[in-house]
Amino acid sequence: MEFGRSHHGAADYADLVGVAVLVLDRQYEGPYSGIDRRRVGAFARLGFDADTDWFAQPGFADQYHELLAALTH
């Protein structure tokens, strides 16, 4: 995955997928968890704060686990 890619214009699907991968990797200490997310332009293009811990946000972890359960059962 190319986290350093840049492009002009609105965020695209690749930006969304890249941010999702980094959010999950940070939570589960995956292979990309050490990437400096402030240097990943996709966060800005999507209007997200790169320093936000999404799993610490109220209700986010519960919604994530409900969706994961629905997709895997």
N, C-alpha and C. Protein backbone atom coordinates (compact mmCIF):
# COMPACT_ATOMS: atom_id res chain seq x y z
N MET A 1 0.85 -1.17 0.00
CA MET A 1 0.00 0.00 0.00
C MET A 1 0.90 1.23 0.00
N GLU A 2 0.56 2.20 -0.79
CA GLU A 2 1.37 3.42 -0.93
C GLU A 2 0.74 4.54 -0.10
N PHE A 3 1.18 4.70 1.14
CA PHE A 3 0.60 5.71 2.02
C PHE A 3 1.10 7.11 1.71
N GLY A 4 2.22 7.22 1.01
CA GLY A 4 2.77 8.52 0.70
C GLY A 4 2.29 9.10 -0.61
N ARG A 5 1.36 8.42 -1.27
CA ARG A 5 0.90 8.92 -2.57
C ARG A 5 0.20 10.26 -2.41
N SER A 6 0.29 11.07 -3.43
CA SER A 6 -0.42 12.35 -3.40
C SER A 6 -1.12 12.53 -4.73
N HIS A 7 -2.20 13.24 -4.67
CA HIS A 7 -2.95 13.58 -5.88
C HIS A 7 -3.74 14.84 -5.61
N HIS A 8 -4.12 15.48 -6.65
CA HIS A 8 -4.91 16.71 -6.52
C HIS A 8 -6.39 16.35 -6.55
N GLY A 9 -7.17 17.17 -5.93
CA GLY A 9 -8.60 16.95 -5.96
C GLY A 9 -9.11 16.27 -4.69
N ALA A 10 -10.34 15.83 -4.80
CA ALA A 10 -11.02 15.24 -3.65
C ALA A 10 -10.44 13.88 -3.29
N ALA A 11 -10.74 13.48 -2.08
CA ALA A 11 -10.33 12.14 -1.62
C ALA A 11 -10.98 11.09 -2.50
N ASP A 12 -10.29 9.97 -2.63
CA ASP A 12 -10.83 8.88 -3.43
C ASP A 12 -10.86 7.60 -2.60
N TYR A 13 -11.27 6.51 -3.24
CA TYR A 13 -11.41 5.23 -2.56
C TYR A 13 -10.07 4.76 -1.96
N ALA A 14 -8.99 4.97 -2.67
CA ALA A 14 -7.68 4.56 -2.16
C ALA A 14 -7.33 5.32 -0.88
N ASP A 15 -7.71 6.59 -0.80
CA ASP A 15 -7.49 7.36 0.44
C ASP A 15 -8.27 6.74 1.59
N LEU A 16 -9.53 6.41 1.34
CA LEU A 16 -10.37 5.82 2.38
C LEU A 16 -9.82 4.48 2.86
N VAL A 17 -9.42 3.64 1.94
CA VAL A 17 -8.87 2.34 2.30
C VAL A 17 -7.56 2.50 3.07
N GLY A 18 -6.70 3.39 2.62
CA GLY A 18 -5.43 3.62 3.31
C GLY A 18 -5.62 4.09 4.74
N VAL A 19 -6.54 5.02 4.95
CA VAL A 19 -6.82 5.51 6.30
C VAL A 19 -7.39 4.38 7.16
N ALA A 20 -8.29 3.60 6.60
CA ALA A 20 -8.87 2.49 7.35
C ALA A 20 -7.78 1.50 7.78
N VAL A 21 -6.87 1.19 6.88
CA VAL A 21 -5.78 0.27 7.21
C VAL A 21 -4.94 0.84 8.36
N LEU A 22 -4.62 2.11 8.29
CA LEU A 22 -3.79 2.71 9.33
C LEU A 22 -4.51 2.80 10.67
N VAL A 23 -5.81 3.07 10.64
CA VAL A 23 -6.58 3.12 11.89
C VAL A 23 -6.60 1.74 12.54
N LEU A 24 -6.85 0.71 11.76
CA LEU A 24 -6.87 -0.65 12.31
C LEU A 24 -5.48 -1.11 12.75
N ASP A 25 -4.48 -0.77 11.97
CA ASP A 25 -3.12 -1.18 12.33
C ASP A 25 -2.68 -0.56 13.65
N ARG A 26 -3.07 0.67 13.87
CA ARG A 26 -2.70 1.32 15.13
C ARG A 26 -3.37 0.60 16.29
N GLN A 27 -4.62 0.21 16.12
CA GLN A 27 -5.35 -0.48 17.18
C GLN A 27 -4.76 -1.85 17.49
N TYR A 28 -4.40 -2.58 16.44
CA TYR A 28 -3.95 -3.96 16.61
C TYR A 28 -2.43 -4.11 16.50
N GLU A 29 -1.71 -2.98 16.49
CA GLU A 29 -0.25 -2.97 16.42
C GLU A 29 0.26 -3.82 15.25
N GLY A 30 -0.33 -3.55 14.10
CA GLY A 30 0.04 -4.26 12.87
C GLY A 30 1.31 -3.71 12.26
N PRO A 31 1.66 -4.18 11.08
CA PRO A 31 2.93 -3.81 10.45
C PRO A 31 3.04 -2.33 10.06
N TYR A 32 1.92 -1.64 9.96
CA TYR A 32 1.95 -0.22 9.59
C TYR A 32 1.73 0.70 10.79
N SER A 33 1.66 0.15 11.99
CA SER A 33 1.33 0.96 13.16
C SER A 33 2.37 2.02 13.48
N GLY A 34 3.59 1.86 12.98
CA GLY A 34 4.65 2.83 13.25
C GLY A 34 4.72 3.98 12.26
N ILE A 35 3.87 3.98 11.26
CA ILE A 35 3.88 5.04 10.25
C ILE A 35 3.40 6.35 10.89
N ASP A 36 4.10 7.43 10.58
CA ASP A 36 3.70 8.75 11.06
C ASP A 36 2.48 9.19 10.25
N ARG A 37 1.32 9.05 10.85
CA ARG A 37 0.07 9.33 10.13
C ARG A 37 -0.09 10.80 9.75
N ARG A 38 0.62 11.69 10.41
CA ARG A 38 0.54 13.11 10.06
C ARG A 38 1.17 13.39 8.70
N ARG A 39 1.98 12.43 8.21
CA ARG A 39 2.62 12.59 6.91
C ARG A 39 1.83 11.93 5.78
N VAL A 40 0.67 11.36 6.13
CA VAL A 40 -0.18 10.68 5.15
C VAL A 40 -1.28 11.66 4.73
N GLY A 41 -1.18 12.15 3.50
CA GLY A 41 -2.10 13.17 3.01
C GLY A 41 -3.56 12.74 2.95
N ALA A 42 -3.82 11.44 2.93
CA ALA A 42 -5.20 10.95 2.85
C ALA A 42 -6.03 11.41 4.06
N PHE A 43 -5.41 11.53 5.21
CA PHE A 43 -6.15 12.00 6.39
C PHE A 43 -6.69 13.40 6.14
N ALA A 44 -5.84 14.28 5.65
CA ALA A 44 -6.27 15.66 5.37
C ALA A 44 -7.31 15.70 4.26
N ARG A 45 -7.09 14.90 3.20
CA ARG A 45 -8.06 14.91 2.10
C ARG A 45 -9.44 14.45 2.56
N LEU A 46 -9.48 13.55 3.55
CA LEU A 46 -10.75 13.08 4.08
C LEU A 46 -11.29 13.97 5.20
N GLY A 47 -10.48 14.94 5.63
CA GLY A 47 -10.90 15.83 6.70
C GLY A 47 -10.76 15.22 8.08
N PHE A 48 -9.88 14.22 8.23
CA PHE A 48 -9.67 13.53 9.51
C PHE A 48 -8.40 14.02 10.17
N ASP A 49 -8.42 14.09 11.49
CA ASP A 49 -7.23 14.40 12.27
C ASP A 49 -6.40 13.12 12.37
N ALA A 50 -5.18 13.16 11.90
CA ALA A 50 -4.32 11.97 11.88
C ALA A 50 -3.99 11.47 13.28
N ASP A 51 -4.12 12.31 14.28
CA ASP A 51 -3.77 11.91 15.65
C ASP A 51 -4.95 11.31 16.42
N THR A 52 -6.12 11.31 15.83
CA THR A 52 -7.30 10.79 16.51
C THR A 52 -7.19 9.29 16.73
N ASP A 53 -7.47 8.86 17.93
CA ASP A 53 -7.56 7.43 18.24
C ASP A 53 -9.04 7.06 18.10
N TRP A 54 -9.40 6.53 16.94
CA TRP A 54 -10.80 6.27 16.64
C TRP A 54 -11.41 5.27 17.61
N PHE A 55 -10.65 4.30 18.07
CA PHE A 55 -11.21 3.30 18.97
C PHE A 55 -11.46 3.86 20.36
N ALA A 56 -10.92 5.03 20.67
CA ALA A 56 -11.18 5.69 21.95
C ALA A 56 -12.41 6.59 21.88
N GLN A 57 -12.95 6.81 20.69
CA GLN A 57 -14.13 7.66 20.53
C GLN A 57 -15.36 6.91 21.03
N PRO A 58 -16.27 7.61 21.71
CA PRO A 58 -17.45 6.94 22.26
C PRO A 58 -18.24 6.17 21.19
N GLY A 59 -18.45 4.90 21.44
CA GLY A 59 -19.27 4.07 20.57
C GLY A 59 -18.58 3.49 19.35
N PHE A 60 -17.40 4.00 19.00
CA PHE A 60 -16.74 3.53 17.77
C PHE A 60 -16.38 2.06 17.85
N ALA A 61 -15.75 1.65 18.93
CA ALA A 61 -15.31 0.25 19.06
C ALA A 61 -16.52 -0.69 19.03
N ASP A 62 -17.60 -0.30 19.71
CA ASP A 62 -18.80 -1.14 19.71
C ASP A 62 -19.38 -1.29 18.31
N GLN A 63 -19.46 -0.18 17.57
CA GLN A 63 -19.98 -0.24 16.20
C GLN A 63 -19.07 -1.06 15.31
N TYR A 64 -17.78 -0.91 15.47
CA TYR A 64 -16.81 -1.68 14.68
C TYR A 64 -17.00 -3.18 14.92
N HIS A 65 -17.08 -3.57 16.18
CA HIS A 65 -17.21 -4.99 16.50
C HIS A 65 -18.56 -5.56 16.06
N GLU A 66 -19.63 -4.76 16.13
CA GLU A 66 -20.93 -5.21 15.63
C GLU A 66 -20.88 -5.44 14.12
N LEU A 67 -20.27 -4.52 13.40
CA LEU A 67 -20.16 -4.67 11.95
C LEU A 67 -19.29 -5.86 11.59
N LEU A 68 -18.18 -6.01 12.29
CA LEU A 68 -17.29 -7.13 12.04
C LEU A 68 -18.02 -8.46 12.27
N ALA A 69 -18.79 -8.53 13.35
CA ALA A 69 -19.55 -9.75 13.65
C ALA A 69 -20.59 -10.02 12.56
N ALA A 70 -21.25 -8.99 12.08
CA ALA A 70 -22.25 -9.17 11.03
C ALA A 70 -21.62 -9.67 9.73
N LEU A 71 -20.41 -9.22 9.45
CA LEU A 71 -19.75 -9.61 8.22
C LEU A 71 -19.09 -10.98 8.29
N THR A 72 -18.84 -11.46 9.49
CA THR A 72 -18.12 -12.74 9.62
C THR A 72 -19.01 -13.89 10.07
N HIS A 73 -20.29 -13.64 10.31
CA HIS A 73 -21.19 -14.72 10.73
C HIS A 73 -22.25 -14.99 9.70
